[in-house]
Amino acid sequence: MNNSRALVVLLFLLLVFMSLIAKLFRVQVGNHEKYSAKAVHQQNTIYSVKAERGIIYDRNGQKVIDHVGVADFAGLSEEIKKLLKK
């Protein structure tokens, strides 16, 4: 009786793991083009991140740090690779 119960549990677990492996294969191999295109789009999209912070005062009420504007920096991976090859 215990052997048949263990066999059923083992077969169930084997079925679950086989379905997970099939799903991983479908995602990695079957949908390669879809996720590859998403990755390229994500790498080449320009995001604007504003990091404004408040003024920091010390315990005497004097200004220690103030917000200062900085220049933006952007680069394309293809252009950087071309520059590094030179």
PDB file of N, CA and C in Angstrom:
ATOM      1  N   MET A   1       0.824  -1.196   0.000  1.00  0.00           N
ATOM      2  CA  MET A   1       0.000   0.000   0.000  1.00  0.00           C
ATOM      3  C   MET A   1       0.865   1.256   0.000  1.00  0.00           C
ATOM      4  N   ASN A   2       1.900   1.322   0.803  1.00  0.00           N
ATOM      5  CA  ASN A   2       2.766   2.490   0.874  1.00  0.00           C
ATOM      6  C   ASN A   2       3.548   2.678  -0.417  1.00  0.00           C
ATOM      7  N   ASN A   3       3.940   1.558  -1.045  1.00  0.00           N
ATOM      8  CA  ASN A   3       4.690   1.665  -2.299  1.00  0.00           C
ATOM      9  C   ASN A   3       3.833   2.270  -3.404  1.00  0.00           C
ATOM     10  N   SER A   4       2.577   1.910  -3.483  1.00  0.00           N
ATOM     11  CA  SER A   4       1.703   2.457  -4.516  1.00  0.00           C
ATOM     12  C   SER A   4       1.418   3.936  -4.258  1.00  0.00           C
ATOM     13  N   ARG A   5       1.292   4.323  -3.001  1.00  0.00           N
ATOM     14  CA  ARG A   5       1.069   5.729  -2.660  1.00  0.00           C
ATOM     15  C   ARG A   5       2.314   6.557  -2.995  1.00  0.00           C
ATOM     16  N   ALA A   6       3.469   6.023  -2.682  1.00  0.00           N
ATOM     17  CA  ALA A   6       4.722   6.711  -2.993  1.00  0.00           C
ATOM     18  C   ALA A   6       4.900   6.828  -4.511  1.00  0.00           C
ATOM     19  N   LEU A   7       4.516   5.791  -5.238  1.00  0.00           N
ATOM     20  CA  LEU A   7       4.617   5.822  -6.696  1.00  0.00           C
ATOM     21  C   LEU A   7       3.696   6.888  -7.286  1.00  0.00           C
ATOM     22  N   VAL A   8       2.504   7.024  -6.750  1.00  0.00           N
ATOM     23  CA  VAL A   8       1.563   8.046  -7.224  1.00  0.00           C
ATOM     24  C   VAL A   8       2.120   9.441  -6.952  1.00  0.00           C
ATOM     25  N   VAL A   9       2.661   9.647  -5.770  1.00  0.00           N
ATOM     26  CA  VAL A   9       3.240  10.948  -5.425  1.00  0.00           C
ATOM     27  C   VAL A   9       4.442  11.230  -6.321  1.00  0.00           C
ATOM     28  N   LEU A  10       5.285  10.234  -6.544  1.00  0.00           N
ATOM     29  CA  LEU A  10       6.457  10.398  -7.393  1.00  0.00           C
ATOM     30  C   LEU A  10       6.050  10.725  -8.832  1.00  0.00           C
ATOM     31  N   LEU A  11       5.054  10.058  -9.351  1.00  0.00           N
ATOM     32  CA  LEU A  11       4.571  10.342 -10.703  1.00  0.00           C
ATOM     33  C   LEU A  11       3.973  11.747 -10.803  1.00  0.00           C
ATOM     34  N   PHE A  12       3.260  12.163  -9.769  1.00  0.00           N
ATOM     35  CA  PHE A  12       2.691  13.511  -9.744  1.00  0.00           C
ATOM     36  C   PHE A  12       3.800  14.563  -9.763  1.00  0.00           C
ATOM     37  N   LEU A  13       4.818  14.356  -8.924  1.00  0.00           N
ATOM     38  CA  LEU A  13       5.929  15.309  -8.885  1.00  0.00           C
ATOM     39  C   LEU A  13       6.689  15.320 -10.209  1.00  0.00           C
ATOM     40  N   LEU A  14       6.866  14.165 -10.804  1.00  0.00           N
ATOM     41  CA  LEU A  14       7.523  14.083 -12.093  1.00  0.00           C
ATOM     42  C   LEU A  14       6.730  14.834 -13.156  1.00  0.00           C
ATOM     43  N   LEU A  15       5.416  14.700 -13.129  1.00  0.00           N
ATOM     44  CA  LEU A  15       4.551  15.418 -14.073  1.00  0.00           C
ATOM     45  C   LEU A  15       4.652  16.929 -13.869  1.00  0.00           C
ATOM     46  N   VAL A  16       4.687  17.367 -12.625  1.00  0.00           N
ATOM     47  CA  VAL A  16       4.801  18.804 -12.334  1.00  0.00           C
ATOM     48  C   VAL A  16       6.129  19.343 -12.847  1.00  0.00           C
ATOM     49  N   PHE A  17       7.224  18.645 -12.566  1.00  0.00           N
ATOM     50  CA  PHE A  17       8.531  19.118 -13.012  1.00  0.00           C
ATOM     51  C   PHE A  17       8.667  19.067 -14.533  1.00  0.00           C
ATOM     52  N   MET A  18       8.095  18.087 -15.158  1.00  0.00           N
ATOM     53  CA  MET A  18       8.142  18.010 -16.618  1.00  0.00           C
ATOM     54  C   MET A  18       7.353  19.168 -17.242  1.00  0.00           C
ATOM     55  N   SER A  19       6.228  19.531 -16.637  1.00  0.00           N
ATOM     56  CA  SER A  19       5.455  20.664 -17.160  1.00  0.00           C
ATOM     57  C   SER A  19       6.216  21.974 -16.960  1.00  0.00           C
ATOM     58  N   LEU A  20       6.946  22.104 -15.843  1.00  0.00           N
ATOM     59  CA  LEU A  20       7.766  23.302 -15.624  1.00  0.00           C
ATOM     60  C   LEU A  20       8.901  23.384 -16.638  1.00  0.00           C
ATOM     61  N   ILE A  21       9.530  22.251 -16.914  1.00  0.00           N
ATOM     62  CA  ILE A  21      10.608  22.226 -17.902  1.00  0.00           C
ATOM     63  C   ILE A  21      10.065  22.576 -19.284  1.00  0.00           C
ATOM     64  N   ALA A  22       8.894  22.070 -19.619  1.00  0.00           N
ATOM     65  CA  ALA A  22       8.277  22.387 -20.910  1.00  0.00           C
ATOM     66  C   ALA A  22       7.966  23.879 -21.002  1.00  0.00           C
ATOM     67  N   LYS A  23       7.475  24.458 -19.935  1.00  0.00           N
ATOM     68  CA  LYS A  23       7.162  25.894 -19.921  1.00  0.00           C
ATOM     69  C   LYS A  23       8.433  26.718 -20.077  1.00  0.00           C
ATOM     70  N   LEU A  24       9.502  26.345 -19.378  1.00  0.00           N
ATOM     71  CA  LEU A  24      10.769  27.056 -19.505  1.00  0.00           C
ATOM     72  C   LEU A  24      11.314  26.961 -20.927  1.00  0.00           C
ATOM     73  N   PHE A  25      11.213  25.791 -21.524  1.00  0.00           N
ATOM     74  CA  PHE A  25      11.667  25.614 -22.894  1.00  0.00           C
ATOM     75  C   PHE A  25      10.866  26.503 -23.842  1.00  0.00           C
ATOM     76  N   ARG A  26       9.570  26.560 -23.648  1.00  0.00           N
ATOM     77  CA  ARG A  26       8.713  27.381 -24.509  1.00  0.00           C
ATOM     78  C   ARG A  26       9.062  28.866 -24.354  1.00  0.00           C
ATOM     79  N   VAL A  27       9.336  29.295 -23.131  1.00  0.00           N
ATOM     80  CA  VAL A  27       9.663  30.706 -22.911  1.00  0.00           C
ATOM     81  C   VAL A  27      11.037  31.033 -23.491  1.00  0.00           C
ATOM     82  N   GLN A  28      12.030  30.180 -23.244  1.00  0.00           N
ATOM     83  CA  GLN A  28      13.391  30.497 -23.655  1.00  0.00           C
ATOM     84  C   GLN A  28      13.648  30.241 -25.135  1.00  0.00           C
ATOM     85  N   VAL A  29      13.068  29.220 -25.705  1.00  0.00           N
ATOM     86  CA  VAL A  29      13.336  28.878 -27.098  1.00  0.00           C
ATOM     87  C   VAL A  29      12.183  29.318 -28.000  1.00  0.00           C
ATOM     88  N   GLY A  30      10.976  29.002 -27.623  1.00  0.00           N
ATOM     89  CA  GLY A  30       9.827  29.321 -28.463  1.00  0.00           C
ATOM     90  C   GLY A  30       9.538  30.802 -28.575  1.00  0.00           C
ATOM     91  N   ASN A  31       9.706  31.539 -27.493  1.00  0.00           N
ATOM     92  CA  ASN A  31       9.411  32.977 -27.484  1.00  0.00           C
ATOM     93  C   ASN A  31      10.682  33.821 -27.503  1.00  0.00           C
ATOM     94  N   HIS A  32      11.759  33.253 -28.054  1.00  0.00           N
ATOM     95  CA  HIS A  32      13.041  33.955 -28.071  1.00  0.00           C
ATOM     96  C   HIS A  32      12.948  35.293 -28.795  1.00  0.00           C
ATOM     97  N   GLU A  33      12.333  35.326 -29.944  1.00  0.00           N
ATOM     98  CA  GLU A  33      12.248  36.556 -30.733  1.00  0.00           C
ATOM     99  C   GLU A  33      11.481  37.644 -29.977  1.00  0.00           C
ATOM    100  N   LYS A  34      10.397  37.260 -29.346  1.00  0.00           N
ATOM    101  CA  LYS A  34       9.574  38.227 -28.610  1.00  0.00           C
ATOM    102  C   LYS A  34      10.367  38.874 -27.479  1.00  0.00           C
ATOM    103  N   TYR A  35      11.029  38.056 -26.664  1.00  0.00           N
ATOM    104  CA  TYR A  35      11.763  38.598 -25.527  1.00  0.00           C
ATOM    105  C   TYR A  35      13.060  39.277 -25.944  1.00  0.00           C
ATOM    106  N   SER A  36      13.630  38.851 -27.047  1.00  0.00           N
ATOM    107  CA  SER A  36      14.811  39.519 -27.572  1.00  0.00           C
ATOM    108  C   SER A  36      14.459  40.932 -28.034  1.00  0.00           C
ATOM    109  N   ALA A  37      13.344  41.066 -28.714  1.00  0.00           N
ATOM    110  CA  ALA A  37      12.892  42.394 -29.157  1.00  0.00           C
ATOM    111  C   ALA A  37      12.555  43.284 -27.968  1.00  0.00           C
ATOM    112  N   LYS A  38      11.944  42.712 -26.934  1.00  0.00           N
ATOM    113  CA  LYS A  38      11.646  43.489 -25.722  1.00  0.00           C
ATOM    114  C   LYS A  38      12.921  43.974 -25.045  1.00  0.00           C
ATOM    115  N   ALA A  39      13.947  43.118 -25.020  1.00  0.00           N
ATOM    116  CA  ALA A  39      15.214  43.485 -24.395  1.00  0.00           C
ATOM    117  C   ALA A  39      15.897  44.612 -25.155  1.00  0.00           C
ATOM    118  N   VAL A  40      15.894  44.539 -26.478  1.00  0.00           N
ATOM    119  CA  VAL A  40      16.501  45.603 -27.287  1.00  0.00           C
ATOM    120  C   VAL A  40      15.759  46.909 -27.079  1.00  0.00           C
ATOM    121  N   HIS A  41      14.436  46.843 -27.056  1.00  0.00           N
ATOM    122  CA  HIS A  41      13.635  48.057 -26.827  1.00  0.00           C
ATOM    123  C   HIS A  41      13.932  48.646 -25.446  1.00  0.00           C
ATOM    124  N   GLN A  42      14.039  47.797 -24.450  1.00  0.00           N
ATOM    125  CA  GLN A  42      14.294  48.270 -23.093  1.00  0.00           C
ATOM    126  C   GLN A  42      15.685  48.896 -22.978  1.00  0.00           C
ATOM    127  N   GLN A  43      16.664  48.331 -23.676  1.00  0.00           N
ATOM    128  CA  GLN A  43      18.024  48.863 -23.609  1.00  0.00           C
ATOM    129  C   GLN A  43      18.156  50.188 -24.348  1.00  0.00           C
ATOM    130  N   ASN A  44      17.336  50.406 -25.362  1.00  0.00           N
ATOM    131  CA  ASN A  44      17.465  51.610 -26.180  1.00  0.00           C
ATOM    132  C   ASN A  44      16.445  52.688 -25.845  1.00  0.00           C
ATOM    133  N   THR A  45      15.646  52.495 -24.821  1.00  0.00           N
ATOM    134  CA  THR A  45      14.662  53.486 -24.413  1.00  0.00           C
ATOM    135  C   THR A  45      15.311  54.488 -23.458  1.00  0.00           C
ATOM    136  N   ILE A  46      15.010  55.747 -23.677  1.00  0.00           N
ATOM    137  CA  ILE A  46      15.557  56.805 -22.820  1.00  0.00           C
ATOM    138  C   ILE A  46      14.566  57.093 -21.704  1.00  0.00           C
ATOM    139  N   TYR A  47      15.035  57.014 -20.486  1.00  0.00           N
ATOM    140  CA  TYR A  47      14.206  57.286 -19.317  1.00  0.00           C
ATOM    141  C   TYR A  47      14.680  58.574 -18.672  1.00  0.00           C
ATOM    142  N   SER A  48      13.740  59.378 -18.250  1.00  0.00           N
ATOM    143  CA  SER A  48      14.059  60.613 -17.536  1.00  0.00           C
ATOM    144  C   SER A  48      13.817  60.383 -16.050  1.00  0.00           C
ATOM    145  N   VAL A  49      14.880  60.542 -15.272  1.00  0.00           N
ATOM    146  CA  VAL A  49      14.787  60.315 -13.834  1.00  0.00           C
ATOM    147  C   VAL A  49      15.110  61.621 -13.126  1.00  0.00           C
ATOM    148  N   LYS A  50      14.137  62.131 -12.419  1.00  0.00           N
ATOM    149  CA  LYS A  50      14.353  63.362 -11.659  1.00  0.00           C
ATOM    150  C   LYS A  50      14.674  62.988 -10.219  1.00  0.00           C
ATOM    151  N   ALA A  51      15.786  63.503  -9.739  1.00  0.00           N
ATOM    152  CA  ALA A  51      16.231  63.163  -8.391  1.00  0.00           C
ATOM    153  C   ALA A  51      16.352  64.414  -7.525  1.00  0.00           C
ATOM    154  N   GLU A  52      15.318  65.211  -7.534  1.00  0.00           N
ATOM    155  CA  GLU A  52      15.353  66.420  -6.710  1.00  0.00           C
ATOM    156  C   GLU A  52      15.214  66.048  -5.243  1.00  0.00           C
ATOM    157  N   ARG A  53      16.021  66.667  -4.455  1.00  0.00           N
ATOM    158  CA  ARG A  53      15.980  66.418  -3.013  1.00  0.00           C
ATOM    159  C   ARG A  53      15.895  67.759  -2.291  1.00  0.00           C
ATOM    160  N   GLY A  54      15.477  67.708  -1.083  1.00  0.00           N
ATOM    161  CA  GLY A  54      15.318  68.932  -0.307  1.00  0.00           C
ATOM    162  C   GLY A  54      16.631  69.443   0.260  1.00  0.00           C
ATOM    163  N   ILE A  55      16.535  70.583   0.865  1.00  0.00           N
ATOM    164  CA  ILE A  55      17.700  71.198   1.506  1.00  0.00           C
ATOM    165  C   ILE A  55      17.922  70.527   2.860  1.00  0.00           C
ATOM    166  N   ILE A  56      19.184  70.276   3.183  1.00  0.00           N
ATOM    167  CA  ILE A  56      19.525  69.642   4.467  1.00  0.00           C
ATOM    168  C   ILE A  56      20.119  70.708   5.381  1.00  0.00           C
ATOM    169  N   TYR A  57      19.570  70.776   6.575  1.00  0.00           N
ATOM    170  CA  TYR A  57      20.035  71.737   7.572  1.00  0.00           C
ATOM    171  C   TYR A  57      20.706  71.006   8.723  1.00  0.00           C
ATOM    172  N   ASP A  58      21.662  71.681   9.370  1.00  0.00           N
ATOM    173  CA  ASP A  58      22.264  71.083  10.565  1.00  0.00           C
ATOM    174  C   ASP A  58      21.415  71.427  11.779  1.00  0.00           C
ATOM    175  N   ARG A  59      21.865  71.023  12.954  1.00  0.00           N
ATOM    176  CA  ARG A  59      21.039  71.221  14.151  1.00  0.00           C
ATOM    177  C   ARG A  59      20.916  72.678  14.564  1.00  0.00           C
ATOM    178  N   ASN A  60      21.779  73.552  14.000  1.00  0.00           N
ATOM    179  CA  ASN A  60      21.692  74.974  14.306  1.00  0.00           C
ATOM    180  C   ASN A  60      20.835  75.725  13.293  1.00  0.00           C
ATOM    181  N   GLY A  61      20.272  75.005  12.338  1.00  0.00           N
ATOM    182  CA  GLY A  61      19.406  75.620  11.351  1.00  0.00           C
ATOM    183  C   GLY A  61      20.140  76.206  10.164  1.00  0.00           C
ATOM    184  N   GLN A  62      21.438  75.941  10.036  1.00  0.00           N
ATOM    185  CA  GLN A  62      22.197  76.448   8.906  1.00  0.00           C
ATOM    186  C   GLN A  62      22.151  75.437   7.746  1.00  0.00           C
ATOM    187  N   LYS A  63      22.105  75.974   6.552  1.00  0.00           N
ATOM    188  CA  LYS A  63      22.024  75.130   5.373  1.00  0.00           C
ATOM    189  C   LYS A  63      23.345  74.387   5.175  1.00  0.00           C
ATOM    190  N   VAL A  64      23.272  73.050   5.082  1.00  0.00           N
ATOM    191  CA  VAL A  64      24.466  72.239   4.868  1.00  0.00           C
ATOM    192  C   VAL A  64      24.562  71.840   3.398  1.00  0.00           C
ATOM    193  N   ILE A  65      23.478  71.360   2.842  1.00  0.00           N
ATOM    194  CA  ILE A  65      23.456  70.914   1.453  1.00  0.00           C
ATOM    195  C   ILE A  65      22.225  71.497   0.777  1.00  0.00           C
ATOM    196  N   ASP A  66      22.430  71.995  -0.426  1.00  0.00           N
ATOM    197  CA  ASP A  66      21.337  72.570  -1.210  1.00  0.00           C
ATOM    198  C   ASP A  66      21.233  71.806  -2.525  1.00  0.00           C
ATOM    199  N   HIS A  67      20.073  71.870  -3.133  1.00  0.00           N
ATOM    200  CA  HIS A  67      19.870  71.201  -4.410  1.00  0.00           C
ATOM    201  C   HIS A  67      20.600  71.967  -5.506  1.00  0.00           C
ATOM    202  N   VAL A  68      21.432  71.257  -6.285  1.00  0.00           N
ATOM    203  CA  VAL A  68      22.179  71.868  -7.377  1.00  0.00           C
ATOM    204  C   VAL A  68      21.850  71.103  -8.655  1.00  0.00           C
ATOM    205  N   GLY A  69      21.533  71.811  -9.709  1.00  0.00           N
ATOM    206  CA  GLY A  69      21.234  71.161 -10.980  1.00  0.00           C
ATOM    207  C   GLY A  69      22.493  70.583 -11.611  1.00  0.00           C
ATOM    208  N   VAL A  70      22.337  69.493 -12.321  1.00  0.00           N
ATOM    209  CA  VAL A  70      23.464  68.862 -12.998  1.00  0.00           C
ATOM    210  C   VAL A  70      23.097  68.629 -14.463  1.00  0.00           C
ATOM    211  N   ALA A  71      24.105  68.400 -15.286  1.00  0.00           N
ATOM    212  CA  ALA A  71      23.881  68.141 -16.707  1.00  0.00           C
ATOM    213  C   ALA A  71      23.418  66.704 -16.910  1.00  0.00           C
ATOM    214  N   ASP A  72      22.663  66.492 -17.974  1.00  0.00           N
ATOM    215  CA  ASP A  72      22.208  65.151 -18.325  1.00  0.00           C
ATOM    216  C   ASP A  72      23.303  64.408 -19.078  1.00  0.00           C
ATOM    217  N   PHE A  73      23.303  63.092 -18.953  1.00  0.00           N
ATOM    218  CA  PHE A  73      24.251  62.249 -19.665  1.00  0.00           C
ATOM    219  C   PHE A  73      23.495  61.096 -20.286  1.00  0.00           C
ATOM    220  N   ALA A  74      23.748  60.844 -21.548  1.00  0.00           N
ATOM    221  CA  ALA A  74      23.093  59.730 -22.228  1.00  0.00           C
ATOM    222  C   ALA A  74      24.066  59.128 -23.230  1.00  0.00           C
ATOM    223  N   GLY A  75      23.912  57.843 -23.471  1.00  0.00           N
ATOM    224  CA  GLY A  75      24.770  57.174 -24.441  1.00  0.00           C
ATOM    225  C   GLY A  75      24.073  55.973 -25.035  1.00  0.00           C
ATOM    226  N   LEU A  76      24.366  55.688 -26.285  1.00  0.00           N
ATOM    227  CA  LEU A  76      23.828  54.510 -26.944  1.00  0.00           C
ATOM    228  C   LEU A  76      24.885  53.420 -26.924  1.00  0.00           C
ATOM    229  N   SER A  77      24.459  52.202 -26.623  1.00  0.00           N
ATOM    230  CA  SER A  77      25.420  51.113 -26.491  1.00  0.00           C
ATOM    231  C   SER A  77      26.198  50.869 -27.780  1.00  0.00           C
ATOM    232  N   GLU A  78      25.555  51.030 -28.944  1.00  0.00           N
ATOM    233  CA  GLU A  78      26.245  50.823 -30.214  1.00  0.00           C
ATOM    234  C   GLU A  78      27.356  51.857 -30.400  1.00  0.00           C
ATOM    235  N   GLU A  79      27.063  53.107 -30.068  1.00  0.00           N
ATOM    236  CA  GLU A  79      28.055  54.161 -30.213  1.00  0.00           C
ATOM    237  C   GLU A  79      29.220  53.967 -29.256  1.00  0.00           C
ATOM    238  N   ILE A  80      28.941  53.544 -28.044  1.00  0.00           N
ATOM    239  CA  ILE A  80      29.999  53.298 -27.062  1.00  0.00           C
ATOM    240  C   ILE A  80      30.890  52.167 -27.523  1.00  0.00           C
ATOM    241  N   LYS A  81      30.286  51.106 -28.063  1.00  0.00           N
ATOM    242  CA  LYS A  81      31.073  49.977 -28.578  1.00  0.00           C
ATOM    243  C   LYS A  81      31.972  50.419 -29.724  1.00  0.00           C
ATOM    244  N   LYS A  82      31.450  51.290 -30.610  1.00  0.00           N
ATOM    245  CA  LYS A  82      32.262  51.793 -31.726  1.00  0.00           C
ATOM    246  C   LYS A  82      33.452  52.600 -31.200  1.00  0.00           C
ATOM    247  N   LEU A  83      33.220  53.427 -30.193  1.00  0.00           N
ATOM    248  CA  LEU A  83      34.309  54.222 -29.634  1.00  0.00           C
ATOM    249  C   LEU A  83      35.354  53.354 -28.947  1.00  0.00           C
ATOM    250  N   LEU A  84      34.919  52.301 -28.289  1.00  0.00           N
ATOM    251  CA  LEU A  84      35.864  51.436 -27.594  1.00  0.00           C
ATOM    252  C   LEU A  84      36.709  50.610 -28.553  1.00  0.00           C
ATOM    253  N   LYS A  85      36.173  50.323 -29.748  1.00  0.00           N
ATOM    254  CA  LYS A  85      36.931  49.545 -30.726  1.00  0.00           C
ATOM    255  C   LYS A  85      38.046  50.360 -31.362  1.00  0.00           C
ATOM    256  N   LYS A  86      37.920  51.684 -31.342  1.00  0.00           N
ATOM    257  CA  LYS A  86      38.946  52.540 -31.975  1.00  0.00           C
ATOM    258  C   LYS A  86      40.227  52.552 -31.200  1.00  0.00           C
TER     259      LYS A  86
END
